[in-house]
Structure formats: structure tokens, C-alpha cells
Amino acid sequence: MVEDLTWGGVLFALGLFASTFVGSLLIVSLLLITLPPTYFQDDHPRDFWPNLHPALRLAGRIAQNIVGFVLLVVGIILALPGVPGQGILTVLIGIMLLDFPASAGWSARLSAGPTSWQ
């Protein structure tokens, strides 16, 4: 059943779009600003909370990988034609959060642009 299009529904959809757009821009900007200048270098240390108890570091690393995987899947869905959203950027953030040996190289290649893919 198709619902009737009302001004209330249109305004709600526009408000939802605007708030998620601005929110995602703010979050991505904050993430990119807080990255250290040496993040994409191979010799950059990637210690996660080095001063905490090992169990807390493990829990944090597991949570980081879960969030990274979810963002990777959502980014792939958003990158499909016809689906509105910032798919490639979400994929890049998901790869940056995942903790596997090739993630640093992948995120460096994705952030460098199409010329580095050859």
C-alpha cells in the first residue's frame, strides 16, 4: 500500500536528510582532523590504548573491528547505484578501523585517489 504524500512527510524527509548529511560531514571532519600526520605511513605505530589493561585493549580492538566491519558493509551498500549516501567515504573509514595487515595500505591507496590504483 502506497501512503499519501503529505507536506509533513516531505518536511520530515528533508529534515532527516539535512540532519544526517550535516552530522556525517561533522563526524568525518572530526575524524580526519584528529588523524595524526603520520597515519598513512608504514612505520606509524598503531597501538590502541597502550596504557590500559590488556583486557580493555582487547575489548576496544574487538569493538573497533565490529564498527569497522559494519561501516564497510554499509559503505558498500551506499556505493551501489541508486542508493543515496557517501559510500566510498564510508568504505574508507571502515577499512581504516579494521585491524588487519593490509588495511593501512588499502586506506592509503583509497585516499590517494584513482592515480594510485594502477
C-alpha atoms as a PDB file:
ATOM      1  CA  MET A   1       0.000   0.000   0.000  1.00  0.00           C
ATOM      2  CA  VAL A   2       1.357   3.396  -1.002  1.00  0.00           C
ATOM      3  CA  GLU A   3       0.893   6.128   1.567  1.00  0.00           C
ATOM      4  CA  ASP A   4      -0.282   9.566   0.560  1.00  0.00           C
ATOM      5  CA  LEU A   5       2.469  12.134   0.175  1.00  0.00           C
ATOM      6  CA  THR A   6       1.895  14.959   2.617  1.00  0.00           C
ATOM      7  CA  TRP A   7       3.790  18.139   3.383  1.00  0.00           C
ATOM      8  CA  GLY A   8       4.541  16.768   6.829  1.00  0.00           C
ATOM      9  CA  GLY A   9       6.162  13.693   5.309  1.00  0.00           C
ATOM     10  CA  VAL A  10       8.155  15.760   2.832  1.00  0.00           C
ATOM     11  CA  LEU A  11       9.385  18.119   5.555  1.00  0.00           C
ATOM     12  CA  PHE A  12      10.291  15.162   7.775  1.00  0.00           C
ATOM     13  CA  ALA A  13      12.268  13.553   4.940  1.00  0.00           C
ATOM     14  CA  LEU A  14      14.055  16.814   4.151  1.00  0.00           C
ATOM     15  CA  GLY A  15      14.880  17.352   7.821  1.00  0.00           C
ATOM     16  CA  LEU A  16      16.158  13.792   8.157  1.00  0.00           C
ATOM     17  CA  PHE A  17      18.283  14.181   5.031  1.00  0.00           C
ATOM     18  CA  ALA A  18      19.721  17.523   6.159  1.00  0.00           C
ATOM     19  CA  SER A  19      20.488  16.350   9.689  1.00  0.00           C
ATOM     20  CA  THR A  20      22.173  13.115   8.593  1.00  0.00           C
ATOM     21  CA  PHE A  21      24.120  14.960   5.891  1.00  0.00           C
ATOM     22  CA  VAL A  22      25.399  17.611   8.301  1.00  0.00           C
ATOM     23  CA  GLY A  23      26.026  15.004  11.006  1.00  0.00           C
ATOM     24  CA  SER A  24      28.060  12.785   8.692  1.00  0.00           C
ATOM     25  CA  LEU A  25      30.089  15.755   7.486  1.00  0.00           C
ATOM     26  CA  LEU A  26      30.834  16.761  11.075  1.00  0.00           C
ATOM     27  CA  ILE A  27      31.828  13.238  12.102  1.00  0.00           C
ATOM     28  CA  VAL A  28      34.046  12.721   9.056  1.00  0.00           C
ATOM     29  CA  SER A  29      35.642  16.139   9.523  1.00  0.00           C
ATOM     30  CA  LEU A  30      36.340  15.401  13.178  1.00  0.00           C
ATOM     31  CA  LEU A  31      37.800  12.015  12.289  1.00  0.00           C
ATOM     32  CA  LEU A  32      40.050  13.442   9.594  1.00  0.00           C
ATOM     33  CA  ILE A  33      41.208  16.340  11.760  1.00  0.00           C
ATOM     34  CA  THR A  34      42.170  14.039  14.631  1.00  0.00           C
ATOM     35  CA  LEU A  35      44.215  11.676  12.450  1.00  0.00           C
ATOM     36  CA  PRO A  36      47.924  12.044  13.168  1.00  0.00           C
ATOM     37  CA  PRO A  37      50.008  13.396  10.263  1.00  0.00           C
ATOM     38  CA  THR A  38      51.864  10.083  10.026  1.00  0.00           C
ATOM     39  CA  TYR A  39      48.741   7.901   9.876  1.00  0.00           C
ATOM     40  CA  PHE A  40      49.267   6.690   6.309  1.00  0.00           C
ATOM     41  CA  GLN A  41      52.973   5.981   6.772  1.00  0.00           C
ATOM     42  CA  ASP A  42      54.024   2.350   7.116  1.00  0.00           C
ATOM     43  CA  ASP A  43      56.169   2.967  10.191  1.00  0.00           C
ATOM     44  CA  HIS A  44      53.314   4.662  12.109  1.00  0.00           C
ATOM     45  CA  PRO A  45      52.695   2.859  15.430  1.00  0.00           C
ATOM     46  CA  ARG A  46      49.143   1.576  15.668  1.00  0.00           C
ATOM     47  CA  ASP A  47      48.939   0.846  19.387  1.00  0.00           C
ATOM     48  CA  PHE A  48      45.360   1.027  20.631  1.00  0.00           C
ATOM     49  CA  TRP A  49      45.128   2.497  24.157  1.00  0.00           C
ATOM     50  CA  PRO A  50      48.687   1.471  25.130  1.00  0.00           C
ATOM     51  CA  ASN A  51      48.318   2.474  28.808  1.00  0.00           C
ATOM     52  CA  LEU A  52      45.205   0.408  29.611  1.00  0.00           C
ATOM     53  CA  HIS A  53      44.794  -3.129  30.927  1.00  0.00           C
ATOM     54  CA  PRO A  54      45.247  -5.776  28.188  1.00  0.00           C
ATOM     55  CA  ALA A  55      41.634  -6.979  28.594  1.00  0.00           C
ATOM     56  CA  LEU A  56      40.319  -3.453  27.954  1.00  0.00           C
ATOM     57  CA  ARG A  57      42.606  -3.091  24.933  1.00  0.00           C
ATOM     58  CA  LEU A  58      41.296  -6.396  23.575  1.00  0.00           C
ATOM     59  CA  ALA A  59      37.675  -5.331  24.119  1.00  0.00           C
ATOM     60  CA  GLY A  60      38.400  -1.995  22.429  1.00  0.00           C
ATOM     61  CA  ARG A  61      40.068  -3.705  19.486  1.00  0.00           C
ATOM     62  CA  ILE A  62      37.113  -6.074  19.079  1.00  0.00           C
ATOM     63  CA  ALA A  63      34.657  -3.148  19.202  1.00  0.00           C
ATOM     64  CA  GLN A  64      36.804  -1.232  16.703  1.00  0.00           C
ATOM     65  CA  ASN A  65      36.731  -4.163  14.271  1.00  0.00           C
ATOM     66  CA  ILE A  66      32.969  -4.643  14.651  1.00  0.00           C
ATOM     67  CA  VAL A  67      32.328  -0.941  13.924  1.00  0.00           C
ATOM     68  CA  GLY A  68      34.779  -1.078  11.015  1.00  0.00           C
ATOM     69  CA  PHE A  69      33.075  -4.130   9.508  1.00  0.00           C
ATOM     70  CA  VAL A  70      29.615  -2.572   9.874  1.00  0.00           C
ATOM     71  CA  LEU A  71      30.825   0.653   8.218  1.00  0.00           C
ATOM     72  CA  LEU A  72      32.439  -1.354   5.419  1.00  0.00           C
ATOM     73  CA  VAL A  73      29.198  -3.228   4.683  1.00  0.00           C
ATOM     74  CA  VAL A  74      27.085  -0.050   4.914  1.00  0.00           C
ATOM     75  CA  GLY A  75      29.561   1.763   2.658  1.00  0.00           C
ATOM     76  CA  ILE A  76      29.358  -0.968   0.033  1.00  0.00           C
ATOM     77  CA  ILE A  77      25.563  -0.734   0.112  1.00  0.00           C
ATOM     78  CA  LEU A  78      25.714   3.069  -0.132  1.00  0.00           C
ATOM     79  CA  ALA A  79      28.103   2.830  -3.094  1.00  0.00           C
ATOM     80  CA  LEU A  80      25.518   0.947  -5.160  1.00  0.00           C
ATOM     81  CA  PRO A  81      23.848   2.936  -7.938  1.00  0.00           C
ATOM     82  CA  GLY A  82      20.574   4.468  -6.866  1.00  0.00           C
ATOM     83  CA  VAL A  83      21.351   4.372  -3.144  1.00  0.00           C
ATOM     84  CA  PRO A  84      21.967   7.875  -1.797  1.00  0.00           C
ATOM     85  CA  GLY A  85      24.903   8.333   0.519  1.00  0.00           C
ATOM     86  CA  GLN A  86      28.645   8.674   0.787  1.00  0.00           C
ATOM     87  CA  GLY A  87      29.585   5.074   0.054  1.00  0.00           C
ATOM     88  CA  ILE A  88      33.255   5.383  -0.834  1.00  0.00           C
ATOM     89  CA  LEU A  89      33.953   7.584   2.173  1.00  0.00           C
ATOM     90  CA  THR A  90      32.164   5.132   4.467  1.00  0.00           C
ATOM     91  CA  VAL A  91      34.136   2.236   2.969  1.00  0.00           C
ATOM     92  CA  LEU A  92      37.376   4.156   3.556  1.00  0.00           C
ATOM     93  CA  ILE A  93      36.502   4.822   7.204  1.00  0.00           C
ATOM     94  CA  GLY A  94      35.503   1.167   7.668  1.00  0.00           C
ATOM     95  CA  ILE A  95      38.826  -0.019   6.218  1.00  0.00           C
ATOM     96  CA  MET A  96      40.705   2.442   8.428  1.00  0.00           C
ATOM     97  CA  LEU A  97      39.002   0.990  11.508  1.00  0.00           C
ATOM     98  CA  LEU A  98      39.561  -2.657  10.605  1.00  0.00           C
ATOM     99  CA  ASP A  99      42.649  -4.213  12.111  1.00  0.00           C
ATOM    100  CA  PHE A 100      44.314  -6.445   9.556  1.00  0.00           C
ATOM    101  CA  PRO A 101      47.772  -6.176   7.961  1.00  0.00           C
ATOM    102  CA  ALA A 102      46.721  -4.745   4.596  1.00  0.00           C
ATOM    103  CA  SER A 103      44.234  -2.146   5.911  1.00  0.00           C
ATOM    104  CA  ALA A 104      46.827   0.633   6.148  1.00  0.00           C
ATOM    105  CA  GLY A 105      47.911   0.085   2.544  1.00  0.00           C
ATOM    106  CA  TRP A 106      44.329  -0.090   1.286  1.00  0.00           C
ATOM    107  CA  SER A 107      43.269   3.082   3.053  1.00  0.00           C
ATOM    108  CA  ALA A 108      46.405   4.882   1.821  1.00  0.00           C
ATOM    109  CA  ARG A 109      45.663   3.839  -1.763  1.00  0.00           C
ATOM    110  CA  LEU A 110      41.978   4.807  -1.485  1.00  0.00           C
ATOM    111  CA  SER A 111      42.777   8.206  -0.008  1.00  0.00           C
ATOM    112  CA  ALA A 112      45.457   8.941  -2.634  1.00  0.00           C
ATOM    113  CA  GLY A 113      42.905   8.866  -5.470  1.00  0.00           C
ATOM    114  CA  PRO A 114      42.462   6.952  -8.726  1.00  0.00           C
ATOM    115  CA  THR A 115      46.019   7.531  -9.957  1.00  0.00           C
ATOM    116  CA  SER A 116      47.413   5.196  -7.273  1.00  0.00           C
ATOM    117  CA  TRP A 117      45.142   2.281  -8.264  1.00  0.00           C
ATOM    118  CA  GLN A 118      47.098   1.361 -11.370  1.00  0.00           C
END
